[in-house]
Amino acid sequence: MAANGKAIESKLKRVKSILISQPKPERSPYYELQKKYDLQIDWRPFIHVEGLDSKEFRKQRIRPDEFSAIILTSKNAVDHFFRICEELRIKMSQDTKYFCLTEAIANYLQKFIVYRKRKVFVGKRTIQDLSNYLKKHKANERFLLPCSNLGSKAVSKFLTDNDFNWQDSLMYRTVSSDLSDLSDVTYDVLVFFSPLGIKSLFENFPDFKQNDTRMAVFGNSTSKAVEDRGLTINIKAPAPETPSMTMALEKYLQISNKE
């Protein structure tokens, strides 16, 4: 990925192009920014999810149907749990209990099971939201936590600290995408939302130099990943005045693209 010029001058330069390291959505406030400031905004996921095949999964010597309760932390976990079951020709019992971190995950679960509220327990965002439900069923259930190569640290810690009968199971991986086609492309702003995006940037372009490229980052962990690489953060969210990335970008554009 190309960049040029002196970084010290970059904050004064007009922004014409932005690359957002996520899939392109159907609707987004970024489209309003694009029109308002006459920008080229491109979308490109820097990471993607790959599922373990059944042969690789079998090496863990885990059978999902030997567990009476499943903890689901994302839609990816739902997808790959039921994919593995299908590939292994495993049919989960109708009595299986599902503990979903959010309502969105619980709603998504309906694609795969007949939804009965007494079997599905829903949190608002974190494992602590499910604490009462989990502890109520702790004595009688054996819990399975489908996860990625990144694990689910908060959930694992909760289950371990509270002495649950549980097991995690790797079912999918989050990996860097191939960005080789961007090797000769320059963007004024790169937008990142996770440390994995930064990891992918350097896996694809080990010699990346920031130069005039401005880095827009969301979240403290992403900021740390950028700074650990010796890069300068030019645009950061969330902040009190700019809770979203689009708001942070617009605040920057009001200066950089001032007529």
Protein backbone atom coordinates (compact mmCIF):
# COMPACT_ATOMS: atom_id res chain seq x y z
CA MET A 1 0.00 0.00 0.00
CA ALA A 2 1.63 3.18 -1.15
CA ALA A 3 2.04 6.48 0.72
CA ASN A 4 4.20 9.50 0.09
CA GLY A 5 5.28 12.92 1.39
CA LYS A 6 6.05 14.14 4.87
CA ALA A 7 3.85 13.10 7.78
CA ILE A 8 4.38 16.44 9.49
CA GLU A 9 2.45 18.12 6.68
CA SER A 10 -0.29 15.49 6.40
CA LYS A 11 -2.76 17.10 8.79
CA LEU A 12 -2.88 20.16 6.53
CA LYS A 13 -3.59 18.24 3.35
CA ARG A 14 -7.03 17.91 1.83
CA VAL A 15 -8.67 14.50 2.12
CA LYS A 16 -9.89 13.06 -1.17
CA SER A 17 -9.95 9.32 -0.51
CA ILE A 18 -10.78 7.09 2.46
CA LEU A 19 -10.47 3.33 2.86
CA ILE A 20 -12.66 1.75 5.54
CA SER A 21 -11.48 -1.65 6.70
CA GLN A 22 -14.96 -3.19 6.87
CA PRO A 23 -17.49 -4.71 4.45
CA LYS A 24 -19.60 -2.22 2.54
CA PRO A 25 -23.01 -1.71 4.18
CA GLU A 26 -26.27 -1.02 2.37
CA ARG A 27 -26.93 2.12 4.37
CA SER A 28 -24.41 4.18 6.27
CA PRO A 29 -23.79 7.77 7.43
CA TYR A 30 -20.48 7.50 5.56
CA TYR A 31 -22.45 7.98 2.34
CA GLU A 32 -23.55 11.41 3.53
CA LEU A 33 -19.94 12.33 4.20
CA GLN A 34 -19.03 11.11 0.74
CA LYS A 35 -21.55 13.45 -0.89
CA LYS A 36 -20.95 16.41 1.40
CA TYR A 37 -17.17 16.46 0.95
CA ASP A 38 -16.97 14.95 -2.55
CA LEU A 39 -14.89 11.99 -1.33
CA GLN A 40 -13.92 8.64 -2.74
CA ILE A 41 -14.80 6.16 0.03
CA ASP A 42 -13.91 2.52 -0.54
CA TRP A 43 -14.72 -0.45 1.68
CA ARG A 44 -12.50 -3.46 2.14
CA PRO A 45 -12.54 -6.00 4.99
CA PHE A 46 -9.00 -6.47 6.30
CA ILE A 47 -10.04 -9.62 8.18
CA HIS A 48 -12.50 -12.46 7.60
CA VAL A 49 -13.80 -15.57 9.33
CA GLU A 50 -12.91 -19.09 8.24
CA GLY A 51 -14.60 -22.14 9.72
CA LEU A 52 -12.75 -25.27 10.80
CA ASP A 53 -13.61 -28.23 8.64
CA SER A 54 -15.06 -31.30 10.31
CA LYS A 55 -11.77 -33.22 10.09
CA GLU A 56 -9.90 -30.49 11.94
CA PHE A 57 -12.71 -30.11 14.47
CA ARG A 58 -12.69 -33.83 15.30
CA LYS A 59 -9.12 -33.53 16.58
CA GLN A 60 -10.54 -31.72 19.62
CA ARG A 61 -12.47 -34.89 20.55
CA ILE A 62 -15.56 -32.86 21.39
CA ARG A 63 -19.12 -33.84 20.53
CA PRO A 64 -21.57 -30.92 20.78
CA ASP A 65 -24.47 -33.24 21.62
CA GLU A 66 -22.71 -34.27 24.84
CA PHE A 67 -23.36 -30.78 26.18
CA SER A 68 -26.74 -29.69 27.52
CA ALA A 69 -26.15 -25.92 27.32
CA ILE A 70 -24.49 -23.78 24.64
CA ILE A 71 -23.15 -20.25 25.24
CA LEU A 72 -23.28 -18.14 22.08
CA THR A 73 -21.25 -14.93 21.92
CA SER A 74 -21.78 -13.90 18.27
CA LYS A 75 -23.65 -14.68 15.07
CA ASN A 76 -20.45 -16.31 13.81
CA ALA A 77 -20.55 -18.66 16.80
CA VAL A 78 -24.15 -19.57 15.92
CA ASP A 79 -23.31 -20.17 12.24
CA HIS A 80 -20.30 -22.36 12.86
CA PHE A 81 -21.78 -24.30 15.76
CA PHE A 82 -24.69 -25.49 13.63
CA ARG A 83 -22.48 -25.94 10.56
CA ILE A 84 -20.24 -28.30 12.53
CA CYS A 85 -23.28 -30.16 13.84
CA GLU A 86 -24.59 -30.58 10.30
CA GLU A 87 -21.24 -31.75 8.92
CA LEU A 88 -20.92 -34.31 11.74
CA ARG A 89 -24.59 -35.28 11.37
CA ILE A 90 -25.22 -34.36 14.97
CA LYS A 91 -28.73 -33.43 16.01
CA MET A 92 -28.96 -31.36 19.17
CA SER A 93 -31.61 -32.32 21.69
CA GLN A 94 -34.75 -30.17 21.79
CA ASP A 95 -34.01 -29.76 25.49
CA THR A 96 -30.68 -28.04 24.83
CA LYS A 97 -30.45 -24.63 26.48
CA TYR A 98 -28.91 -21.67 24.64
CA PHE A 99 -27.43 -18.69 26.44
CA CYS A 100 -27.06 -15.71 24.08
CA LEU A 101 -25.03 -12.62 24.94
CA THR A 102 -27.40 -10.28 23.07
CA GLU A 103 -30.92 -10.16 21.72
CA ALA A 104 -29.56 -9.95 18.16
CA ILE A 105 -27.80 -13.29 18.65
CA ALA A 106 -30.95 -14.83 20.13
CA ASN A 107 -33.02 -13.63 17.18
CA TYR A 108 -30.45 -15.03 14.76
CA LEU A 109 -30.61 -18.36 16.56
CA GLN A 110 -34.18 -18.76 15.28
CA LYS A 111 -32.73 -19.64 11.87
CA PHE A 112 -31.53 -22.91 13.38
CA ILE A 113 -33.90 -23.95 16.18
CA VAL A 114 -37.55 -23.83 17.10
CA TYR A 115 -37.53 -20.87 19.43
CA ARG A 116 -38.88 -21.60 22.90
CA LYS A 117 -38.18 -18.99 25.52
CA ARG A 118 -37.70 -21.46 28.33
CA LYS A 119 -34.73 -22.84 26.40
CA VAL A 120 -33.20 -19.54 25.27
CA PHE A 121 -31.71 -17.03 27.70
CA VAL A 122 -30.76 -13.54 26.55
CA GLY A 123 -28.34 -10.92 27.86
CA LYS A 124 -27.93 -7.29 26.91
CA ARG A 125 -24.22 -7.28 26.05
CA THR A 126 -21.90 -9.07 28.48
CA ILE A 127 -21.67 -12.42 30.25
CA GLN A 128 -22.58 -10.66 33.50
CA ASP A 129 -26.05 -9.99 32.05
CA LEU A 130 -26.54 -13.76 31.92
CA SER A 131 -25.04 -14.43 35.34
CA ASN A 132 -28.31 -15.15 37.17
CA TYR A 133 -29.57 -17.47 34.41
CA LEU A 134 -26.28 -19.33 34.23
CA LYS A 135 -25.94 -19.79 37.98
CA LYS A 136 -29.54 -21.02 38.20
CA HIS A 137 -28.68 -23.86 35.79
CA LYS A 138 -25.10 -24.39 36.92
CA ALA A 139 -25.66 -27.60 38.88
CA ASN A 140 -27.47 -29.55 36.18
CA GLU A 141 -25.88 -28.45 32.91
CA ARG A 142 -22.68 -29.06 31.03
CA PHE A 143 -21.78 -25.92 29.06
CA LEU A 144 -20.09 -25.63 25.66
CA LEU A 145 -18.58 -22.34 24.46
CA PRO A 146 -18.07 -22.26 20.66
CA CYS A 147 -15.30 -19.77 19.94
CA SER A 148 -12.74 -18.51 17.47
CA ASN A 149 -8.96 -18.52 17.67
CA LEU A 150 -9.29 -15.26 19.60
CA GLY A 151 -11.21 -17.03 22.34
CA SER A 152 -13.73 -15.30 24.56
CA LYS A 153 -11.70 -14.18 27.55
CA ALA A 154 -14.41 -12.52 29.62
CA VAL A 155 -16.77 -15.49 29.23
CA SER A 156 -14.04 -18.05 29.92
CA LYS A 157 -12.93 -16.17 33.04
CA PHE A 158 -16.50 -15.99 34.35
CA LEU A 159 -17.09 -19.71 33.84
CA THR A 160 -13.76 -20.66 35.41
CA ASP A 161 -14.06 -18.27 38.36
CA ASN A 162 -17.53 -19.62 39.15
CA ASP A 163 -16.59 -23.30 38.79
CA PHE A 164 -18.94 -24.18 35.95
CA ASN A 165 -18.72 -27.54 34.22
CA TRP A 166 -17.71 -26.16 30.84
CA GLN A 167 -15.52 -26.58 27.78
CA ASP A 168 -14.59 -24.20 25.00
CA SER A 169 -14.34 -25.41 21.42
CA LEU A 170 -12.54 -23.82 18.49
CA MET A 171 -14.96 -23.75 15.54
CA TYR A 172 -13.78 -20.80 13.43
CA ARG A 173 -10.86 -18.44 13.00
CA THR A 174 -10.54 -14.73 12.36
CA VAL A 175 -7.70 -14.31 9.86
CA SER A 176 -6.11 -11.60 7.76
CA SER A 177 -7.54 -11.09 4.27
CA ASP A 178 -5.40 -10.96 1.13
CA LEU A 179 -4.92 -7.28 0.27
CA SER A 180 -2.19 -7.71 -2.32
CA ASP A 181 -4.24 -5.92 -4.97
CA LEU A 182 -3.91 -2.73 -2.90
CA SER A 183 -0.11 -2.74 -3.02
CA ASP A 184 0.09 0.25 -5.38
CA VAL A 185 -2.96 2.11 -4.12
CA THR A 186 -2.80 5.26 -2.01
CA TYR A 187 -5.52 6.53 0.33
CA ASP A 188 -5.48 9.75 2.29
CA VAL A 189 -7.19 8.11 5.29
CA LEU A 190 -7.24 4.51 6.52
CA VAL A 191 -10.01 3.67 9.01
CA PHE A 192 -9.55 0.82 11.51
CA PHE A 193 -11.88 -0.66 14.11
CA SER A 194 -9.81 -3.45 15.66
CA PRO A 195 -6.21 -4.45 16.39
CA LEU A 196 -6.69 -7.32 13.94
CA GLY A 197 -7.09 -4.79 11.13
CA ILE A 198 -3.70 -3.33 11.99
CA LYS A 199 -2.22 -6.82 12.18
CA SER A 200 -3.59 -7.55 8.71
CA LEU A 201 -2.16 -4.30 7.35
CA PHE A 202 1.36 -5.30 8.34
CA GLU A 203 0.96 -8.96 7.38
CA ASN A 204 0.05 -7.78 3.89
CA PHE A 205 2.47 -4.84 3.77
CA PRO A 206 5.39 -5.48 6.17
CA ASP A 207 7.19 -2.35 4.94
CA PHE A 208 4.19 -0.03 5.31
CA LYS A 209 5.19 3.57 6.07
CA GLN A 210 2.57 6.06 7.15
CA ASN A 211 4.01 9.16 5.51
CA ASP A 212 1.01 11.30 4.44
CA THR A 213 -1.57 8.62 5.19
CA ARG A 214 -3.79 9.61 8.08
CA MET A 215 -4.86 6.93 10.53
CA ALA A 216 -8.41 6.96 11.87
CA VAL A 217 -8.95 4.47 14.72
CA PHE A 218 -11.87 3.38 16.87
CA GLY A 219 -11.35 2.20 20.42
CA ASN A 220 -8.46 2.02 22.88
CA SER A 221 -7.23 -1.42 21.86
CA THR A 222 -7.03 -0.33 18.22
CA SER A 223 -5.22 2.85 19.23
CA LYS A 224 -2.66 0.83 21.17
CA ALA A 225 -2.08 -1.48 18.18
CA VAL A 226 -1.45 1.57 15.96
CA GLU A 227 0.93 3.19 18.45
CA ASP A 228 2.77 -0.10 19.03
CA ARG A 229 3.60 -0.06 15.33
CA GLY A 230 5.05 3.43 15.64
CA LEU A 231 2.25 5.07 13.66
CA THR A 232 0.56 8.38 14.38
CA ILE A 233 -3.16 8.55 15.16
CA ASN A 234 -4.73 11.51 13.38
CA ILE A 235 -8.42 10.79 13.97
CA LYS A 236 -9.76 8.96 17.02
CA ALA A 237 -13.16 7.82 18.25
CA PRO A 238 -15.05 7.48 20.46
CA ALA A 239 -14.60 10.77 22.27
CA PRO A 240 -17.06 12.97 24.19
CA GLU A 241 -17.57 15.27 21.21
CA THR A 242 -17.33 12.52 18.60
CA PRO A 243 -18.80 9.22 19.83
CA SER A 244 -18.87 7.70 16.32
CA MET A 245 -16.20 7.35 13.66
CA THR A 246 -18.27 9.29 11.12
CA MET A 247 -18.50 12.21 13.54
CA ALA A 248 -14.75 12.08 14.19
CA LEU A 249 -14.06 12.03 10.45
CA GLU A 250 -16.36 14.96 9.81
CA LYS A 251 -14.73 17.01 12.53
CA TYR A 252 -11.38 16.38 10.84
CA LEU A 253 -12.75 17.07 7.34
CA GLN A 254 -14.11 20.41 8.46
CA ILE A 255 -10.50 21.48 8.94
CA SER A 256 -8.63 19.51 6.26
CA ASN A 257 -11.14 20.25 3.49
CA LYS A 258 -11.98 23.80 4.46
CA GLU A 259 -12.48 25.91 1.37
